[in-house]
Amino acid sequence: ANELEDAFNLASYASTAVRLGHFSASESEVSKWITQVRDVGDLVLSQDPPTPEKFDLLVRKGQAFIRDFMDDGDIRRPTEGMRFWLEALDLAERHPLCRVGRLSDIVQLIAPLIGDIDPFDILTDRLDQITSEKDGAASAADKARSRGVAFAEAGNILKAIDQIQRAKIGWLSGETIRGSILATLLLARWYAGLRLHL
């Protein structure tokens, strides 16, 4: 699984490097590499690997659909990719060794790109629930805050508000109350900017 993950990452980096003119391979050659890696991933998935490995493969499969969306803009691709991520989260609910944090990091990075596409909200609800169960409410709140910041930087204040509201609630305890207060102040500023005063 590690070799497959390395191959997927290398093919993704190569694809980006080709688009930016930093790598001399042709786009069709890199596309062929990506297809080969996907085919191997599908073969391994069909052999019913151990749960943590299957989780990782489903995350990569979903990520591949997001990559395709970035290439061709086909709005169906993120929905399909998130469907694989939801399937991966089904596994994570039953198995403690699934690397949910890795999926959460991927979602944070691309949240501004896919945040308005279904089933993003369902996906983040499940991610936050599982993260909270595995690592605590403050950890889930940290992830929501990171997504909120990413949305704000992309200019999507409504989605940022949703994520920061999640963070505020997750930080509502003695040890993390400062974060909850800061989130409340940030929300008040954004609501004021929208002329929706608290």
C-alpha atoms as a PDB file:
ATOM      1  CA  ALA A   1       0.000   0.000   0.000  1.00  0.00           C
ATOM      2  CA  ASN A   2       2.866   2.401   0.741  1.00  0.00           C
ATOM      3  CA  GLU A   3       4.368   1.827  -2.708  1.00  0.00           C
ATOM      4  CA  LEU A   4       0.977   2.462  -4.291  1.00  0.00           C
ATOM      5  CA  GLU A   5       0.548   5.647  -2.274  1.00  0.00           C
ATOM      6  CA  ASP A   6       4.027   6.797  -3.307  1.00  0.00           C
ATOM      7  CA  ALA A   7       3.221   6.065  -6.954  1.00  0.00           C
ATOM      8  CA  PHE A   8      -0.053   8.002  -6.732  1.00  0.00           C
ATOM      9  CA  ASN A   9       1.703  10.986  -5.150  1.00  0.00           C
ATOM     10  CA  LEU A  10       4.504  10.909  -7.707  1.00  0.00           C
ATOM     11  CA  ALA A  11       2.055  10.767 -10.619  1.00  0.00           C
ATOM     12  CA  SER A  12       0.058  13.657  -9.130  1.00  0.00           C
ATOM     13  CA  TYR A  13       3.177  15.765  -8.642  1.00  0.00           C
ATOM     14  CA  ALA A  14       4.320  14.945 -12.173  1.00  0.00           C
ATOM     15  CA  SER A  15       0.953  15.994 -13.587  1.00  0.00           C
ATOM     16  CA  THR A  16       1.102  19.346 -11.807  1.00  0.00           C
ATOM     17  CA  ALA A  17       4.741  19.853 -12.822  1.00  0.00           C
ATOM     18  CA  VAL A  18       3.884  19.199 -16.478  1.00  0.00           C
ATOM     19  CA  ARG A  19       1.058  21.762 -16.348  1.00  0.00           C
ATOM     20  CA  LEU A  20       3.404  24.330 -14.810  1.00  0.00           C
ATOM     21  CA  GLY A  21       6.157  23.585 -17.326  1.00  0.00           C
ATOM     22  CA  HIS A  22       8.563  22.208 -14.704  1.00  0.00           C
ATOM     23  CA  PHE A  23       8.704  18.665 -16.057  1.00  0.00           C
ATOM     24  CA  SER A  24       9.472  17.620 -19.610  1.00  0.00           C
ATOM     25  CA  ALA A  25       7.231  14.547 -19.840  1.00  0.00           C
ATOM     26  CA  SER A  26       4.138  14.842 -22.013  1.00  0.00           C
ATOM     27  CA  GLU A  27       0.669  15.181 -20.475  1.00  0.00           C
ATOM     28  CA  SER A  28      -0.408  11.969 -22.196  1.00  0.00           C
ATOM     29  CA  GLU A  29       2.524  10.073 -20.692  1.00  0.00           C
ATOM     30  CA  VAL A  30       1.735  11.328 -17.181  1.00  0.00           C
ATOM     31  CA  SER A  31      -1.948  10.588 -17.735  1.00  0.00           C
ATOM     32  CA  LYS A  32      -0.978   7.022 -18.612  1.00  0.00           C
ATOM     33  CA  TRP A  33       0.972   6.741 -15.325  1.00  0.00           C
ATOM     34  CA  ILE A  34      -2.038   7.975 -13.366  1.00  0.00           C
ATOM     35  CA  THR A  35      -4.282   5.457 -15.111  1.00  0.00           C
ATOM     36  CA  GLN A  36      -1.850   2.628 -14.310  1.00  0.00           C
ATOM     37  CA  VAL A  37      -1.731   3.610 -10.625  1.00  0.00           C
ATOM     38  CA  ARG A  38      -5.539   3.759 -10.491  1.00  0.00           C
ATOM     39  CA  ASP A  39      -5.821   0.351 -12.128  1.00  0.00           C
ATOM     40  CA  VAL A  40      -3.464  -1.189  -9.571  1.00  0.00           C
ATOM     41  CA  GLY A  41      -5.419   0.509  -6.762  1.00  0.00           C
ATOM     42  CA  ASP A  42      -8.687  -0.886  -8.116  1.00  0.00           C
ATOM     43  CA  LEU A  43      -7.129  -4.360  -8.348  1.00  0.00           C
ATOM     44  CA  VAL A  44      -5.942  -4.209  -4.730  1.00  0.00           C
ATOM     45  CA  LEU A  45      -9.384  -2.955  -3.610  1.00  0.00           C
ATOM     46  CA  SER A  46     -11.070  -5.859  -5.398  1.00  0.00           C
ATOM     47  CA  GLN A  47      -8.951  -8.294  -3.346  1.00  0.00           C
ATOM     48  CA  ASP A  48     -10.523  -7.045  -0.068  1.00  0.00           C
ATOM     49  CA  PRO A  49      -7.369  -5.807   1.705  1.00  0.00           C
ATOM     50  CA  PRO A  50      -7.160  -5.236   5.475  1.00  0.00           C
ATOM     51  CA  THR A  51      -9.417  -2.407   6.672  1.00  0.00           C
ATOM     52  CA  PRO A  52      -6.744   0.311   7.192  1.00  0.00           C
ATOM     53  CA  GLU A  53      -5.303  -0.360   3.732  1.00  0.00           C
ATOM     54  CA  LYS A  54      -8.780  -0.367   2.192  1.00  0.00           C
ATOM     55  CA  PHE A  55      -9.472   2.965   3.924  1.00  0.00           C
ATOM     56  CA  ASP A  56      -6.306   4.469   2.395  1.00  0.00           C
ATOM     57  CA  LEU A  57      -7.160   3.120  -1.060  1.00  0.00           C
ATOM     58  CA  LEU A  58     -10.676   4.588  -0.913  1.00  0.00           C
ATOM     59  CA  VAL A  59      -9.222   7.947   0.142  1.00  0.00           C
ATOM     60  CA  ARG A  60      -6.830   7.867  -2.833  1.00  0.00           C
ATOM     61  CA  LYS A  61      -9.613   6.808  -5.183  1.00  0.00           C
ATOM     62  CA  GLY A  62     -11.725   9.750  -4.046  1.00  0.00           C
ATOM     63  CA  GLN A  63      -8.743  12.052  -4.386  1.00  0.00           C
ATOM     64  CA  ALA A  64      -8.264  10.897  -7.977  1.00  0.00           C
ATOM     65  CA  PHE A  65     -11.807  12.018  -8.832  1.00  0.00           C
ATOM     66  CA  ILE A  66     -11.076  15.432  -7.321  1.00  0.00           C
ATOM     67  CA  ARG A  67      -7.908  15.637  -9.462  1.00  0.00           C
ATOM     68  CA  ASP A  68      -9.979  14.863 -12.540  1.00  0.00           C
ATOM     69  CA  PHE A  69     -12.403  17.631 -11.571  1.00  0.00           C
ATOM     70  CA  MET A  70      -9.504  20.068 -11.345  1.00  0.00           C
ATOM     71  CA  ASP A  71      -8.455  19.011 -14.851  1.00  0.00           C
ATOM     72  CA  ASP A  72     -11.794  18.927 -16.649  1.00  0.00           C
ATOM     73  CA  GLY A  73     -14.299  20.779 -14.422  1.00  0.00           C
ATOM     74  CA  ASP A  74     -16.851  17.947 -14.583  1.00  0.00           C
ATOM     75  CA  ILE A  75     -19.025  18.682 -11.543  1.00  0.00           C
ATOM     76  CA  ARG A  76     -19.980  15.012 -11.152  1.00  0.00           C
ATOM     77  CA  ARG A  77     -16.430  14.032 -10.253  1.00  0.00           C
ATOM     78  CA  PRO A  78     -16.239  15.609  -6.768  1.00  0.00           C
ATOM     79  CA  THR A  79     -19.568  14.026  -5.858  1.00  0.00           C
ATOM     80  CA  GLU A  80     -18.215  10.632  -6.898  1.00  0.00           C
ATOM     81  CA  GLY A  81     -14.938  11.257  -5.064  1.00  0.00           C
ATOM     82  CA  MET A  82     -16.739  12.225  -1.875  1.00  0.00           C
ATOM     83  CA  ARG A  83     -18.842   9.062  -2.166  1.00  0.00           C
ATOM     84  CA  PHE A  84     -15.619   7.022  -1.869  1.00  0.00           C
ATOM     85  CA  TRP A  85     -14.571   9.132   1.116  1.00  0.00           C
ATOM     86  CA  LEU A  86     -17.900   8.460   2.824  1.00  0.00           C
ATOM     87  CA  GLU A  87     -17.364   4.750   2.205  1.00  0.00           C
ATOM     88  CA  ALA A  88     -13.913   5.101   3.779  1.00  0.00           C
ATOM     89  CA  LEU A  89     -15.475   6.786   6.816  1.00  0.00           C
ATOM     90  CA  ASP A  90     -17.848   3.815   7.186  1.00  0.00           C
ATOM     91  CA  LEU A  91     -14.714   1.714   7.684  1.00  0.00           C
ATOM     92  CA  ALA A  92     -13.142   4.251  10.048  1.00  0.00           C
ATOM     93  CA  GLU A  93     -16.155   4.106  12.348  1.00  0.00           C
ATOM     94  CA  ARG A  94     -15.488   0.406  12.889  1.00  0.00           C
ATOM     95  CA  HIS A  95     -11.681   0.326  12.863  1.00  0.00           C
ATOM     96  CA  PRO A  96      -9.367   2.373  15.090  1.00  0.00           C
ATOM     97  CA  LEU A  97      -6.305   2.228  12.793  1.00  0.00           C
ATOM     98  CA  CYS A  98      -7.819   4.093   9.843  1.00  0.00           C
ATOM     99  CA  ARG A  99      -5.993   7.383   9.270  1.00  0.00           C
ATOM    100  CA  VAL A 100      -8.917   9.780   9.434  1.00  0.00           C
ATOM    101  CA  GLY A 101      -6.585  12.733  10.033  1.00  0.00           C
ATOM    102  CA  ARG A 102      -5.082  12.294   6.592  1.00  0.00           C
ATOM    103  CA  LEU A 103      -8.506  12.487   4.924  1.00  0.00           C
ATOM    104  CA  SER A 104      -9.362  15.492   7.061  1.00  0.00           C
ATOM    105  CA  ASP A 105      -6.173  17.239   5.894  1.00  0.00           C
ATOM    106  CA  ILE A 106      -7.024  16.554   2.246  1.00  0.00           C
ATOM    107  CA  VAL A 107     -10.554  17.904   2.709  1.00  0.00           C
ATOM    108  CA  GLN A 108      -9.178  21.024   4.367  1.00  0.00           C
ATOM    109  CA  LEU A 109      -6.851  21.720   1.442  1.00  0.00           C
ATOM    110  CA  ILE A 110      -9.543  21.417  -1.199  1.00  0.00           C
ATOM    111  CA  ALA A 111     -12.536  22.656   0.813  1.00  0.00           C
ATOM    112  CA  PRO A 112     -12.832  25.930  -1.138  1.00  0.00           C
ATOM    113  CA  LEU A 113     -12.911  23.938  -4.369  1.00  0.00           C
ATOM    114  CA  ILE A 114     -15.631  21.444  -3.389  1.00  0.00           C
ATOM    115  CA  GLY A 115     -17.396  23.077  -0.427  1.00  0.00           C
ATOM    116  CA  ASP A 116     -20.539  24.000  -2.354  1.00  0.00           C
ATOM    117  CA  ILE A 117     -20.916  20.560  -3.917  1.00  0.00           C
ATOM    118  CA  ASP A 118     -23.021  17.797  -2.349  1.00  0.00           C
ATOM    119  CA  PRO A 119     -22.270  15.813  -0.216  1.00  0.00           C
ATOM    120  CA  PHE A 120     -19.558  18.091   1.289  1.00  0.00           C
ATOM    121  CA  ASP A 121     -21.559  19.003   4.401  1.00  0.00           C
ATOM    122  CA  ILE A 122     -22.411  15.358   5.084  1.00  0.00           C
ATOM    123  CA  LEU A 123     -18.748  14.455   4.623  1.00  0.00           C
ATOM    124  CA  THR A 124     -17.500  17.110   7.056  1.00  0.00           C
ATOM    125  CA  ASP A 125     -20.200  16.207   9.596  1.00  0.00           C
ATOM    126  CA  ARG A 126     -19.009  12.603   9.551  1.00  0.00           C
ATOM    127  CA  LEU A 127     -15.328  13.589   9.585  1.00  0.00           C
ATOM    128  CA  ASP A 128     -15.859  15.834  12.598  1.00  0.00           C
ATOM    129  CA  GLN A 129     -17.905  13.194  14.428  1.00  0.00           C
ATOM    130  CA  ILE A 130     -15.272  10.488  13.925  1.00  0.00           C
ATOM    131  CA  THR A 131     -12.392  12.855  14.729  1.00  0.00           C
ATOM    132  CA  SER A 132     -14.197  13.897  17.905  1.00  0.00           C
ATOM    133  CA  GLU A 133     -14.710  10.281  18.936  1.00  0.00           C
ATOM    134  CA  LYS A 134     -11.093   9.299  18.203  1.00  0.00           C
ATOM    135  CA  ASP A 135      -9.178  12.431  19.209  1.00  0.00           C
ATOM    136  CA  GLY A 136     -11.612  14.610  21.155  1.00  0.00           C
ATOM    137  CA  ALA A 137     -13.921  17.533  20.403  1.00  0.00           C
ATOM    138  CA  ALA A 138     -11.060  20.069  20.425  1.00  0.00           C
ATOM    139  CA  SER A 139      -9.281  18.183  17.634  1.00  0.00           C
ATOM    140  CA  ALA A 140     -12.435  18.159  15.497  1.00  0.00           C
ATOM    141  CA  ALA A 141     -12.829  21.874  16.241  1.00  0.00           C
ATOM    142  CA  ASP A 142      -9.265  22.515  15.041  1.00  0.00           C
ATOM    143  CA  LYS A 143     -10.067  20.798  11.740  1.00  0.00           C
ATOM    144  CA  ALA A 144     -13.275  22.828  11.336  1.00  0.00           C
ATOM    145  CA  ARG A 145     -11.346  26.036  12.057  1.00  0.00           C
ATOM    146  CA  SER A 146      -8.789  25.163   9.386  1.00  0.00           C
ATOM    147  CA  ARG A 147     -11.563  24.582   6.848  1.00  0.00           C
ATOM    148  CA  GLY A 148     -13.187  27.854   7.929  1.00  0.00           C
ATOM    149  CA  VAL A 149      -9.957  29.763   7.363  1.00  0.00           C
ATOM    150  CA  ALA A 150      -9.565  28.150   3.939  1.00  0.00           C
ATOM    151  CA  PHE A 151     -13.108  29.206   2.997  1.00  0.00           C
ATOM    152  CA  ALA A 152     -12.542  32.742   4.281  1.00  0.00           C
ATOM    153  CA  GLU A 153      -9.313  33.069   2.297  1.00  0.00           C
ATOM    154  CA  ALA A 154     -11.226  31.952  -0.799  1.00  0.00           C
ATOM    155  CA  GLY A 155     -13.925  34.568  -0.151  1.00  0.00           C
ATOM    156  CA  ASN A 156     -16.699  32.120   0.767  1.00  0.00           C
ATOM    157  CA  ILE A 157     -17.744  33.730   4.052  1.00  0.00           C
ATOM    158  CA  LEU A 158     -20.988  31.763   4.414  1.00  0.00           C
ATOM    159  CA  LYS A 159     -19.121  28.458   4.353  1.00  0.00           C
ATOM    160  CA  ALA A 160     -16.451  29.948   6.621  1.00  0.00           C
ATOM    161  CA  ILE A 161     -19.143  30.904   9.128  1.00  0.00           C
ATOM    162  CA  ASP A 162     -20.496  27.355   9.127  1.00  0.00           C
ATOM    163  CA  GLN A 163     -17.069  25.880   9.835  1.00  0.00           C
ATOM    164  CA  ILE A 164     -16.077  28.435  12.486  1.00  0.00           C
ATOM    165  CA  GLN A 165     -19.445  27.881  14.190  1.00  0.00           C
ATOM    166  CA  ARG A 166     -18.570  24.174  14.399  1.00  0.00           C
ATOM    167  CA  ALA A 167     -15.177  25.080  15.867  1.00  0.00           C
ATOM    168  CA  LYS A 168     -16.757  27.421  18.416  1.00  0.00           C
ATOM    169  CA  ILE A 169     -19.022  24.640  19.679  1.00  0.00           C
ATOM    170  CA  GLY A 170     -16.192  22.082  19.723  1.00  0.00           C
ATOM    171  CA  TRP A 171     -13.996  24.402  21.785  1.00  0.00           C
ATOM    172  CA  LEU A 172     -16.719  25.106  24.345  1.00  0.00           C
ATOM    173  CA  SER A 173     -14.971  23.608  27.377  1.00  0.00           C
ATOM    174  CA  GLY A 174     -12.720  24.837  30.163  1.00  0.00           C
ATOM    175  CA  GLU A 175      -9.424  23.994  28.448  1.00  0.00           C
ATOM    176  CA  THR A 176     -10.302  25.446  25.051  1.00  0.00           C
ATOM    177  CA  ILE A 177     -12.725  28.239  25.964  1.00  0.00           C
ATOM    178  CA  ARG A 178     -10.309  30.880  24.635  1.00  0.00           C
ATOM    179  CA  GLY A 179     -10.665  29.413  21.147  1.00  0.00           C
ATOM    180  CA  SER A 180     -14.438  29.451  21.486  1.00  0.00           C
ATOM    181  CA  ILE A 181     -14.397  33.131  22.520  1.00  0.00           C
ATOM    182  CA  LEU A 182     -12.080  34.067  19.639  1.00  0.00           C
ATOM    183  CA  ALA A 183     -14.326  32.160  17.223  1.00  0.00           C
ATOM    184  CA  THR A 184     -17.344  34.057  18.564  1.00  0.00           C
ATOM    185  CA  LEU A 185     -15.583  37.386  17.989  1.00  0.00           C
ATOM    186  CA  LEU A 186     -14.626  36.393  14.456  1.00  0.00           C
ATOM    187  CA  LEU A 187     -18.189  35.278  13.733  1.00  0.00           C
ATOM    188  CA  ALA A 188     -19.509  38.607  15.047  1.00  0.00           C
ATOM    189  CA  ARG A 189     -17.185  40.476  12.659  1.00  0.00           C
ATOM    190  CA  TRP A 190     -18.309  38.369   9.691  1.00  0.00           C
ATOM    191  CA  TYR A 191     -21.984  38.714  10.594  1.00  0.00           C
ATOM    192  CA  ALA A 192     -21.501  42.503  10.858  1.00  0.00           C
ATOM    193  CA  GLY A 193     -19.898  42.478   7.412  1.00  0.00           C
ATOM    194  CA  LEU A 194     -23.035  40.762   6.127  1.00  0.00           C
ATOM    195  CA  ARG A 195     -25.184  43.262   8.071  1.00  0.00           C
ATOM    196  CA  LEU A 196     -26.477  40.431  10.258  1.00  0.00           C
ATOM    197  CA  HIS A 197     -25.653  41.715  13.735  1.00  0.00           C
ATOM    198  CA  LEU A 198     -25.659  39.307  16.664  1.00  0.00           C
END
